[in-house]
Amino acid sequence: MKVIICGAGQVGWQIARHLSGEQNDVTVVDNNPELVRRATDTLDVQGVTGFASHPDVLERAGARDADMVIAATYSDEVNMVTCQVAHSVFAVQRKIARLRAQTYLDPAYGDLYRKDHLPIDVVISPEREVAEAALQRLAAPAAFDTESFLDGRAQLLGITIADDCPVINTPLRQLTDLFSTLRAIVVGIRREGRLFVPSAGDQIFAGDECYLFTHTEDLNRTLEIFGKTQSKQERIVIIGGGNVGLGVALALESRSERVRVKVVEKDRTAAERAADALDRTIVLHGDGLDTALLDEAGIMNADAVLVVTDDDKTNLLAAVRAKEMGCAMAICLVNDPTLVPLMGPLDIDAYINPRATTVSSILRHIRHGRVRNVYSIGDAEAEVIEAQVLSTSPIAGQKIKDIDFPEGTLIGGMMKEGKVIRPTAETRIEEGDVIAIFAMTADVPEVERLLQVSIDFF
C-alpha cells in the first residue's frame, strides 16, 4: 500500500515507523528538511521537502497513485487543505487529518467533513484523545497506563511492582494455578528499560513494570493480588485549563457521582474561557507552581492532581510539588519520551503521552480487516491489537497451543459469543471470536498475517 504522511514531527515519524516496518510504500513530506532527513536516515521511507498542501509537492510525493494521505502537520489549516487537494486533484481515496482546534469539531457548525464539503474521512483530535486517556488514568489510579478492550469488558493495566507485592519471585505458571478463577494474564514486563513478553517460567520482580490484561469485573481483585489498592477520586485538581484540562473537567462535571474539581490556569484568557464553560468547577487564575495557589486549591487534601499544561518541564515540576505538598496521586502529560524514565525517581504515579495516544488512534483507523482497536505501548515498543477472527484466518478452528505465534506475542483476552474468557493453551479460536493480542512491534506484521488483516480499504 502506498501512503503519504504529511508532517515528520513526533506523530508523523511514529506512524511512518509503523507503516514502513510493515512493508508499505511510505513517503514523508515536511517543509523542514532536517525532519525529512531524520525520517529517511532512520526509516525505510522516501522523503519530500515542501509544504504538504501544495499540489506540486504532493505530486512529487506520488499522490497520483497513493492509497492514503495522513495529514499530521502542526497546522490544522494545512492538514485540511492537504486533504482537499489530495481529493480534488489526485483522487486519493482515504484521507486522515489531525485537527487540534476544537471549533472545527463543534457540531453546532454542522458536518464539515462530507465529500462535498471538506473530504476528510477520519478526523483525529489529539486533545480529545488525551482527555479520554486522562479520564482512564483517573479511573484506575493504581495503574500508570490503562486502556479498555472487548467492548469495555476488559482492561489493559500497566502497574509498577512494589517491594511488598505478594506475588513477586513467583513463576507465572504458578500464579495461574494459585488463582485459577482470575481472568487476568501478565502479557508484558519492562525490566531495566527493556520490554518483553514473558513465558510461563518467568517471575515478577520488585521494580518491574507489568502490563496485565484483565476482565473488568476482576479489576479490583487483580490489583489486590499484585499489591495495589483502588481508591475513589473525589477531589481532583487540574493544572492547565486549555483544551485538555477543560475537556476533562467537563467530563467530570457530567458524571452522576459528585466529584469536586478545581482548575488552575496561568493564562487569564484561558482561565476565563474555562470559567464560562464550567458550572460546578472552581477555576483559579495563577501559576500551577505557586505553593500559595496550590494551597488555596486544597492540593494537600486532593485525591489526584492532573497536570496538563503545554510545557513538559512545568508538568513534571508541578506534579512533584503537588506530591510534596501532600497530594495522594500525580498524573502529568509528557510529550518527550526521554523524560518518561524520570517518573519513578520523581514519584509521579502516571503519565500521558499525547503522541502515543494520537498514534494509537490513527493506527486504529488505518488497519483494515476486522481490527476493532489498536493501542501503542510505550515508545512504540509494542501494540495491543483487538480483532475479530475471520473464516479465512489461518488461526480459525485451531487450539492456541497449535498456532505458531511469534515469540513476542501473547493473547491477553478473548470474547466468545459476547462472553469474555481467559484464554488457555486448550482454547479453540473460532470464526467470529474477538481476540486481543499483545505483540512486540517487530512481530505485528506476522500477527496481521495470522489474523488475515492488512492496511487495505478496497
Protein backbone atom coordinates (compact mmCIF):
# COMPACT_ATOMS: atom_id res chain seq x y z
CA MET A 1 0.00 0.00 0.00
CA LYS A 2 1.25 3.49 -0.86
CA VAL A 3 0.89 6.04 1.98
CA ILE A 4 1.87 9.71 2.10
CA ILE A 5 2.45 11.07 5.61
CA CYS A 6 2.40 14.87 5.80
CA GLY A 7 4.30 16.09 8.82
CA ALA A 8 7.52 14.48 10.04
CA GLY A 9 7.19 15.50 13.67
CA GLN A 10 6.77 13.07 16.53
CA VAL A 11 3.39 11.67 15.40
CA GLY A 12 4.24 11.55 11.70
CA TRP A 13 7.57 9.86 12.39
CA GLN A 14 5.98 7.18 14.57
CA ILE A 15 3.25 6.45 12.01
CA ALA A 16 5.93 6.21 9.30
CA ARG A 17 7.91 3.87 11.54
CA HIS A 18 4.92 1.57 11.99
CA LEU A 19 3.82 1.51 8.37
CA SER A 20 7.27 1.21 6.79
CA GLY A 21 8.04 -1.65 9.18
CA GLU A 22 5.02 -3.45 7.74
CA GLN A 23 6.45 -3.28 4.22
CA ASN A 24 4.27 -0.41 2.98
CA ASP A 25 5.47 2.17 0.47
CA VAL A 26 5.73 5.28 2.66
CA THR A 27 6.66 8.84 1.69
CA VAL A 28 7.13 11.54 4.33
CA VAL A 29 6.51 15.21 3.50
CA ASP A 30 7.61 18.17 5.63
CA ASN A 31 8.79 21.72 4.99
CA ASN A 32 11.64 21.18 7.48
CA PRO A 33 14.49 19.42 5.64
CA GLU A 34 16.06 18.26 8.92
CA LEU A 35 12.91 16.35 9.90
CA VAL A 36 12.70 14.80 6.44
CA ARG A 37 16.37 13.78 6.64
CA ARG A 38 15.83 12.23 10.08
CA ALA A 39 12.97 10.14 8.70
CA THR A 40 14.82 8.96 5.60
CA ASP A 41 18.02 8.25 7.54
CA THR A 42 16.35 6.16 10.26
CA LEU A 43 13.39 4.59 8.44
CA ASP A 44 12.79 2.77 5.18
CA VAL A 45 10.83 5.69 3.71
CA GLN A 46 11.13 8.25 0.96
CA GLY A 47 11.18 11.95 1.78
CA VAL A 48 9.98 15.14 0.09
CA THR A 49 10.71 18.62 1.42
CA GLY A 50 7.99 21.21 0.90
CA PHE A 51 4.54 22.37 2.02
CA ALA A 52 2.21 19.38 2.11
CA SER A 53 -0.78 21.39 0.91
CA HIS A 54 0.93 22.41 -2.35
CA PRO A 55 -0.20 20.26 -5.31
CA ASP A 56 3.30 20.09 -6.83
CA VAL A 57 4.72 18.82 -3.51
CA LEU A 58 2.02 16.12 -3.23
CA GLU A 59 2.68 15.15 -6.85
CA ARG A 60 6.40 14.73 -6.11
CA ALA A 61 5.40 12.55 -3.15
CA GLY A 62 3.48 10.25 -5.51
CA ALA A 63 -0.09 11.35 -4.80
CA ARG A 64 -1.33 10.28 -8.25
CA ASP A 65 -1.11 6.62 -7.26
CA ALA A 66 -1.32 6.94 -3.46
CA ASP A 67 -3.89 4.92 -1.49
CA MET A 68 -3.90 7.15 1.57
CA VAL A 69 -2.84 10.57 2.83
CA ILE A 70 -2.30 11.16 6.55
CA ALA A 71 -2.12 14.90 7.30
CA ALA A 72 -0.41 15.33 10.68
CA THR A 73 1.41 18.65 10.37
CA TYR A 74 1.32 21.22 13.18
CA SER A 75 -1.24 23.35 11.30
CA ASP A 76 -4.92 22.39 11.24
CA GLU A 77 -5.47 24.51 8.15
CA VAL A 78 -2.58 22.89 6.26
CA ASN A 79 -3.97 19.47 7.18
CA MET A 80 -7.44 20.36 5.90
CA VAL A 81 -6.18 21.88 2.64
CA THR A 82 -3.88 18.90 2.12
CA CYS A 83 -6.85 16.54 2.29
CA GLN A 84 -8.85 18.77 -0.05
CA VAL A 85 -6.04 18.87 -2.63
CA ALA A 86 -5.45 15.11 -2.28
CA HIS A 87 -9.14 14.54 -3.01
CA SER A 88 -9.83 17.13 -5.69
CA VAL A 89 -6.58 16.97 -7.67
CA PHE A 90 -5.33 13.43 -7.12
CA ALA A 91 -8.48 11.46 -6.15
CA VAL A 92 -6.77 9.85 -3.16
CA GLN A 93 -9.41 7.58 -1.67
CA ARG A 94 -8.51 7.74 2.04
CA LYS A 95 -7.69 10.98 3.89
CA ILE A 96 -6.95 11.30 7.61
CA ALA A 97 -6.35 14.67 9.28
CA ARG A 98 -5.21 15.65 12.75
CA LEU A 99 -7.10 18.74 13.96
CA ARG A 100 -6.41 20.49 17.25
CA ALA A 101 -8.80 23.46 17.29
CA GLN A 102 -11.99 22.33 18.97
CA THR A 103 -14.15 24.76 16.98
CA TYR A 104 -13.57 22.65 13.88
CA LEU A 105 -15.16 19.73 15.74
CA ASP A 106 -18.13 21.62 17.19
CA PRO A 107 -21.37 20.01 15.95
CA ALA A 108 -23.01 23.43 16.15
CA TYR A 109 -21.31 24.27 12.85
CA GLY A 110 -22.66 21.23 11.06
CA ASP A 111 -20.88 18.39 9.30
CA LEU A 112 -17.82 19.98 7.73
CA TYR A 113 -16.29 16.68 6.72
CA ARG A 114 -18.54 15.50 3.93
CA LYS A 115 -17.22 14.70 0.48
CA ASP A 116 -18.95 17.81 -0.92
CA HIS A 117 -17.51 19.99 1.87
CA LEU A 118 -14.13 19.01 3.31
CA PRO A 119 -13.34 15.50 2.07
CA ILE A 120 -11.72 14.13 5.25
CA ASP A 121 -12.58 10.51 6.04
CA VAL A 122 -11.24 10.46 9.59
CA VAL A 123 -10.58 13.40 11.93
CA ILE A 124 -8.20 12.82 14.82
CA SER A 125 -8.40 15.26 17.75
CA PRO A 126 -5.30 14.94 19.97
CA GLU A 127 -6.92 17.00 22.73
CA ARG A 128 -9.95 14.72 22.90
CA GLU A 129 -7.78 11.61 22.76
CA VAL A 130 -5.57 12.92 25.59
CA ALA A 131 -8.57 13.99 27.67
CA GLU A 132 -10.03 10.48 27.32
CA ALA A 133 -6.66 8.97 28.32
CA ALA A 134 -6.57 11.25 31.38
CA LEU A 135 -10.04 10.12 32.43
CA GLN A 136 -8.94 6.49 32.13
CA ARG A 137 -5.87 7.17 34.30
CA LEU A 138 -8.07 8.79 36.93
CA ALA A 139 -10.43 5.80 36.84
CA ALA A 140 -7.55 3.41 37.57
CA PRO A 141 -5.29 5.33 39.97
CA ALA A 142 -3.16 2.30 40.79
CA ALA A 143 -2.01 2.00 37.15
CA PHE A 144 0.41 4.14 35.18
CA ASP A 145 -1.17 3.05 31.89
CA THR A 146 -4.64 1.75 31.04
CA GLU A 147 -6.85 1.12 28.03
CA SER A 148 -10.24 -0.58 27.52
CA PHE A 149 -10.83 -3.52 25.18
CA LEU A 150 -13.55 -6.00 24.25
CA ASP A 151 -16.42 -3.53 24.43
CA GLY A 152 -15.18 -2.17 27.76
CA ARG A 153 -15.31 -5.57 29.44
CA ALA A 154 -11.54 -5.98 29.59
CA GLN A 155 -8.72 -3.65 30.63
CA LEU A 156 -5.04 -3.39 29.89
CA LEU A 157 -3.25 -2.16 33.02
CA GLY A 158 0.32 -1.02 33.43
CA ILE A 159 1.43 -1.27 37.07
CA THR A 160 4.76 -0.88 38.83
CA ILE A 161 5.61 -3.79 41.12
CA ALA A 162 6.49 -2.67 44.64
CA ASP A 163 8.68 -4.45 47.20
CA ASP A 164 5.60 -5.57 49.16
CA CYS A 165 3.84 -7.14 46.18
CA PRO A 166 2.52 -10.54 47.38
CA VAL A 167 3.41 -12.39 44.16
CA ILE A 168 6.99 -11.31 43.45
CA ASN A 169 9.54 -14.06 42.79
CA THR A 170 6.73 -16.41 41.77
CA PRO A 171 6.70 -18.15 38.34
CA LEU A 172 3.73 -17.03 36.23
CA ARG A 173 2.52 -20.60 35.70
CA GLN A 174 2.26 -20.92 39.48
CA LEU A 175 0.12 -17.78 39.62
CA THR A 176 -2.25 -19.42 37.14
CA ASP A 177 -2.56 -22.41 39.46
CA LEU A 178 -2.97 -20.29 42.60
CA PHE A 179 -5.66 -18.03 41.10
CA SER A 180 -7.39 -20.38 38.70
CA THR A 181 -10.61 -18.33 38.54
CA LEU A 182 -8.86 -15.00 37.97
CA ARG A 183 -9.43 -13.73 34.44
CA ALA A 184 -6.10 -11.91 34.17
CA ILE A 185 -2.85 -12.52 32.28
CA VAL A 186 0.57 -10.85 32.50
CA VAL A 187 1.22 -10.00 28.85
CA GLY A 188 4.31 -7.79 29.13
CA ILE A 189 7.12 -6.91 31.53
CA ARG A 190 9.52 -3.98 31.32
CA ARG A 191 12.68 -4.68 33.30
CA GLU A 192 15.69 -2.35 33.36
CA GLY A 193 14.26 -0.45 30.42
CA ARG A 194 13.58 -3.47 28.21
CA LEU A 195 10.05 -4.61 27.38
CA PHE A 196 9.43 -8.30 26.69
CA VAL A 197 6.62 -10.85 26.55
CA PRO A 198 7.07 -13.28 29.47
CA SER A 199 6.95 -17.06 29.31
CA ALA A 200 5.22 -19.30 31.87
CA GLY A 201 8.50 -19.80 33.75
CA ASP A 202 9.31 -16.10 34.15
CA GLN A 203 8.96 -14.40 37.53
CA ILE A 204 7.96 -10.88 38.53
CA PHE A 205 10.49 -8.83 40.49
CA ALA A 206 10.21 -5.65 42.51
CA GLY A 207 10.69 -2.64 40.24
CA ASP A 208 9.23 -4.34 37.17
CA GLU A 209 6.62 -2.54 35.13
CA CYS A 210 3.98 -5.13 34.30
CA TYR A 211 1.25 -4.99 31.70
CA LEU A 212 -1.80 -7.01 32.74
CA PHE A 213 -4.84 -7.89 30.68
CA THR A 214 -7.84 -8.43 32.94
CA HIS A 215 -11.61 -8.80 32.85
CA THR A 216 -13.16 -5.55 34.09
CA GLU A 217 -15.13 -7.46 36.74
CA ASP A 218 -11.85 -8.85 38.10
CA LEU A 219 -10.03 -5.50 38.04
CA ASN A 220 -10.02 -4.83 41.79
CA ARG A 221 -9.10 -8.42 42.64
CA THR A 222 -6.26 -8.36 40.09
CA LEU A 223 -4.85 -5.16 41.55
CA GLU A 224 -5.12 -6.56 45.08
CA ILE A 225 -3.21 -9.71 44.10
CA PHE A 226 -0.44 -7.55 42.67
CA GLY A 227 -0.29 -5.38 45.79
CA LYS A 228 -2.34 -2.42 44.60
CA THR A 229 -5.50 -0.86 46.01
CA GLN A 230 -8.12 1.23 44.26
CA SER A 231 -9.34 4.44 45.85
CA LYS A 232 -12.15 6.80 44.91
CA GLN A 233 -11.12 10.02 43.22
CA GLU A 234 -13.48 12.55 44.80
CA ARG A 235 -11.25 15.66 44.95
CA ILE A 236 -9.23 16.45 41.83
CA VAL A 237 -7.03 19.42 40.96
CA ILE A 238 -6.32 20.06 37.27
CA ILE A 239 -3.33 22.26 36.47
CA GLY A 240 -3.79 23.58 32.95
CA GLY A 241 -7.13 24.84 31.72
CA GLY A 242 -6.56 24.51 27.98
CA ASN A 243 -8.45 22.15 25.69
CA VAL A 244 -7.29 19.01 27.53
CA GLY A 245 -7.87 20.27 31.08
CA LEU A 246 -11.20 21.81 30.15
CA GLY A 247 -12.29 18.61 28.39
CA VAL A 248 -11.50 16.54 31.48
CA ALA A 249 -13.27 18.98 33.80
CA LEU A 250 -16.39 18.98 31.61
CA ALA A 251 -16.42 15.18 31.55
CA LEU A 252 -16.06 15.01 35.34
CA GLU A 253 -18.90 17.52 35.77
CA SER A 254 -21.19 15.37 33.63
CA ARG A 255 -20.79 12.32 35.87
CA SER A 256 -23.59 11.30 38.16
CA GLU A 257 -21.30 10.83 41.16
CA ARG A 258 -20.14 14.04 42.81
CA VAL A 259 -16.50 14.92 42.08
CA ARG A 260 -15.00 18.14 43.41
CA VAL A 261 -12.76 19.65 40.74
CA LYS A 262 -10.58 22.75 40.78
CA VAL A 263 -8.74 24.05 37.72
CA VAL A 264 -5.59 26.17 37.87
CA GLU A 265 -4.73 28.13 34.70
CA LYS A 266 -1.92 30.65 34.23
CA ASP A 267 -3.30 32.43 31.16
CA ARG A 268 -6.13 34.81 32.07
CA THR A 269 -7.99 34.42 28.77
CA ALA A 270 -7.91 30.63 29.01
CA ALA A 271 -8.96 30.78 32.67
CA GLU A 272 -11.94 33.00 31.83
CA ARG A 273 -12.94 30.70 28.97
CA ALA A 274 -12.80 27.68 31.32
CA ALA A 275 -14.79 29.50 34.00
CA ASP A 276 -17.51 30.38 31.46
CA ALA A 277 -17.74 26.78 30.21
CA LEU A 278 -17.83 25.08 33.62
CA ASP A 279 -20.73 25.12 36.09
CA ARG A 280 -19.62 23.41 39.30
CA THR A 281 -15.84 23.64 38.91
CA ILE A 282 -13.77 26.33 40.63
CA VAL A 283 -11.26 27.96 38.26
CA LEU A 284 -8.23 29.69 39.80
CA HIS A 285 -6.07 32.06 37.76
CA GLY A 286 -2.37 31.71 38.52
CA ASP A 287 0.81 29.65 38.24
CA GLY A 288 0.47 25.93 38.97
CA LEU A 289 3.93 26.02 40.58
CA ASP A 290 2.87 28.66 43.12
CA THR A 291 2.64 26.93 46.51
CA ALA A 292 0.21 29.54 47.86
CA LEU A 293 -2.14 28.97 44.92
CA LEU A 294 -1.86 25.19 45.25
CA ASP A 295 -2.63 25.55 48.93
CA GLU A 296 -5.73 27.59 48.02
CA ALA A 297 -6.73 24.81 45.60
CA GLY A 298 -6.55 22.33 48.50
CA ILE A 299 -3.77 20.27 46.98
CA MET A 300 -2.85 18.67 50.32
CA ASN A 301 -6.32 17.07 50.55
CA ALA A 302 -6.69 16.22 46.85
CA ASP A 303 -7.03 12.59 45.78
CA ALA A 304 -5.26 13.36 42.50
CA VAL A 305 -3.62 16.15 40.57
CA LEU A 306 -3.69 16.12 36.76
CA VAL A 307 -1.05 18.39 35.20
CA VAL A 308 -1.74 19.09 31.53
CA THR A 309 -0.08 22.37 30.58
CA ASP A 310 1.70 22.69 27.22
CA ASP A 311 5.17 22.51 28.78
CA ASP A 312 6.66 19.14 29.81
CA LYS A 313 9.05 20.54 32.41
CA THR A 314 6.31 22.59 34.04
CA ASN A 315 4.17 19.46 34.19
CA LEU A 316 6.92 17.45 35.87
CA LEU A 317 7.75 20.15 38.41
CA ALA A 318 4.10 20.87 39.22
CA ALA A 319 3.42 17.16 39.73
CA VAL A 320 6.44 16.83 42.04
CA ARG A 321 5.41 19.92 44.00
CA ALA A 322 1.84 18.65 44.39
CA LYS A 323 3.08 15.32 45.75
CA GLU A 324 5.50 17.09 48.09
CA MET A 325 2.60 19.16 49.44
CA GLY A 326 0.58 16.05 50.26
CA CYS A 327 -1.45 15.17 47.13
CA ALA A 328 -2.13 11.44 47.05
CA MET A 329 -1.59 10.89 43.33
CA ALA A 330 0.04 12.81 40.46
CA ILE A 331 -0.60 12.33 36.74
CA CYS A 332 1.20 14.50 34.21
CA LEU A 333 1.25 14.99 30.46
CA VAL A 334 4.66 14.39 28.86
CA ASN A 335 5.39 14.79 25.15
CA ASP A 336 9.11 13.97 25.31
CA PRO A 337 9.56 10.19 25.72
CA THR A 338 13.11 10.69 27.06
CA LEU A 339 11.55 12.20 30.21
CA VAL A 340 9.46 9.11 30.97
CA PRO A 341 12.28 7.30 32.89
CA LEU A 342 12.21 10.19 35.38
CA MET A 343 8.68 9.34 36.50
CA GLY A 344 9.79 6.72 39.02
CA PRO A 345 12.58 8.73 40.68
CA LEU A 346 10.29 11.78 40.84
CA ASP A 347 7.47 9.74 42.43
CA ILE A 348 4.99 10.63 39.67
CA ASP A 349 2.30 7.96 39.59
CA ALA A 350 1.21 8.02 35.95
CA TYR A 351 1.81 9.88 32.74
CA ILE A 352 0.03 10.53 29.46
CA ASN A 353 1.95 10.63 26.20
CA PRO A 354 -0.09 12.63 23.64
CA ARG A 355 1.99 11.20 20.82
CA ALA A 356 1.24 7.62 21.82
CA THR A 357 -2.49 8.30 22.17
CA THR A 358 -2.65 10.02 18.79
CA VAL A 359 -0.57 7.29 17.11
CA SER A 360 -2.86 4.63 18.60
CA SER A 361 -5.92 6.49 17.33
CA ILE A 362 -4.54 6.82 13.79
CA LEU A 363 -3.47 3.15 13.70
CA ARG A 364 -6.97 2.19 14.82
CA HIS A 365 -8.38 3.86 11.72
CA ILE A 366 -5.90 2.66 9.11
CA ARG A 367 -5.86 -1.03 9.91
CA HIS A 368 -8.49 -2.86 7.92
CA GLY A 369 -10.00 -6.35 8.08
CA ARG A 370 -11.80 -6.84 11.38
CA VAL A 371 -9.43 -4.83 13.56
CA ARG A 372 -11.52 -3.13 16.26
CA ASN A 373 -8.85 -1.44 18.35
CA VAL A 374 -5.10 -0.79 18.37
CA TYR A 375 -3.14 0.58 21.34
CA SER A 376 0.51 1.58 21.19
CA ILE A 377 2.65 0.64 24.22
CA GLY A 378 5.47 2.85 25.48
CA ASP A 379 7.66 4.42 22.81
CA ALA A 380 6.08 2.30 20.04
CA GLU A 381 7.67 -0.79 21.63
CA ALA A 382 4.58 -2.96 21.33
CA GLU A 383 0.91 -2.93 20.37
CA VAL A 384 -2.28 -4.47 21.63
CA ILE A 385 -4.41 -5.42 18.62
CA GLU A 386 -8.06 -6.32 19.08
CA ALA A 387 -9.57 -8.08 16.07
CA GLN A 388 -12.40 -10.35 15.07
CA VAL A 389 -11.31 -13.70 13.67
CA LEU A 390 -12.29 -14.23 10.03
CA SER A 391 -13.16 -17.57 8.45
CA THR A 392 -10.14 -17.11 6.17
CA SER A 393 -7.73 -16.61 9.07
CA PRO A 394 -5.08 -19.33 9.47
CA ILE A 395 -5.86 -19.48 13.20
CA ALA A 396 -9.61 -20.11 12.81
CA GLY A 397 -10.59 -23.55 14.15
CA GLN A 398 -7.25 -24.15 15.88
CA LYS A 399 -6.33 -24.52 19.53
CA ILE A 400 -3.99 -21.82 20.80
CA LYS A 401 -1.28 -24.37 21.60
CA ASP A 402 -1.24 -25.44 17.93
CA ILE A 403 -0.83 -21.94 16.49
CA ASP A 404 2.66 -20.81 15.57
CA PHE A 405 2.51 -17.38 17.16
CA PRO A 406 5.72 -15.31 17.13
CA GLU A 407 7.69 -15.40 20.39
CA GLY A 408 6.93 -11.76 21.12
CA THR A 409 3.15 -12.17 21.20
CA LEU A 410 0.56 -13.29 23.72
CA ILE A 411 -3.24 -13.45 23.65
CA GLY A 412 -4.43 -11.43 26.62
CA GLY A 413 -8.18 -11.86 26.32
CA MET A 414 -10.91 -13.31 24.16
CA MET A 415 -14.62 -12.78 23.66
CA LYS A 416 -16.73 -15.76 22.57
CA GLU A 417 -20.41 -15.19 21.80
CA GLY A 418 -20.35 -12.00 23.84
CA LYS A 419 -18.65 -13.58 26.86
CA VAL A 420 -15.11 -12.57 27.90
CA ILE A 421 -12.88 -15.51 28.85
CA ARG A 422 -9.27 -16.02 29.84
CA PRO A 423 -7.61 -17.96 27.00
CA THR A 424 -5.59 -21.09 27.75
CA ALA A 425 -3.48 -23.37 25.60
CA GLU A 426 -6.53 -25.61 25.06
CA THR A 427 -8.84 -22.79 23.98
CA ARG A 428 -10.01 -23.17 20.38
CA ILE A 429 -10.25 -19.99 18.33
CA GLU A 430 -13.34 -19.91 16.13
CA GLU A 431 -14.62 -17.65 13.40
CA GLY A 432 -16.31 -14.61 14.95
CA ASP A 433 -14.29 -14.70 18.17
CA VAL A 434 -12.72 -11.40 19.19
CA ILE A 435 -9.17 -11.66 20.47
CA ALA A 436 -6.80 -9.09 21.99
CA ILE A 437 -3.13 -9.80 21.25
CA PHE A 438 -0.15 -8.13 22.91
CA ALA A 439 2.61 -8.03 20.29
CA MET A 440 6.08 -6.58 20.18
CA THR A 441 6.34 -4.13 17.27
CA ALA A 442 8.63 -6.40 15.23
CA ASP A 443 6.01 -9.17 15.38
CA VAL A 444 2.99 -7.08 14.35
CA PRO A 445 3.22 -7.96 10.61
CA GLU A 446 3.11 -11.68 11.40
CA VAL A 447 0.17 -11.17 13.77
CA GLU A 448 -1.67 -9.34 10.99
CA ARG A 449 -0.93 -12.22 8.62
CA LEU A 450 -2.37 -14.71 11.10
CA LEU A 451 -5.43 -12.54 11.57
CA GLN A 452 -5.75 -12.02 7.81
CA VAL A 453 -5.83 -8.26 8.25
CA SER A 454 -3.96 -5.66 6.30
CA ILE A 455 -3.89 -1.94 5.68
CA ASP A 456 -6.19 -2.10 2.70
CA PHE A 457 -9.51 -0.40 2.07
CA PHE A 458 -10.57 -1.69 -1.29
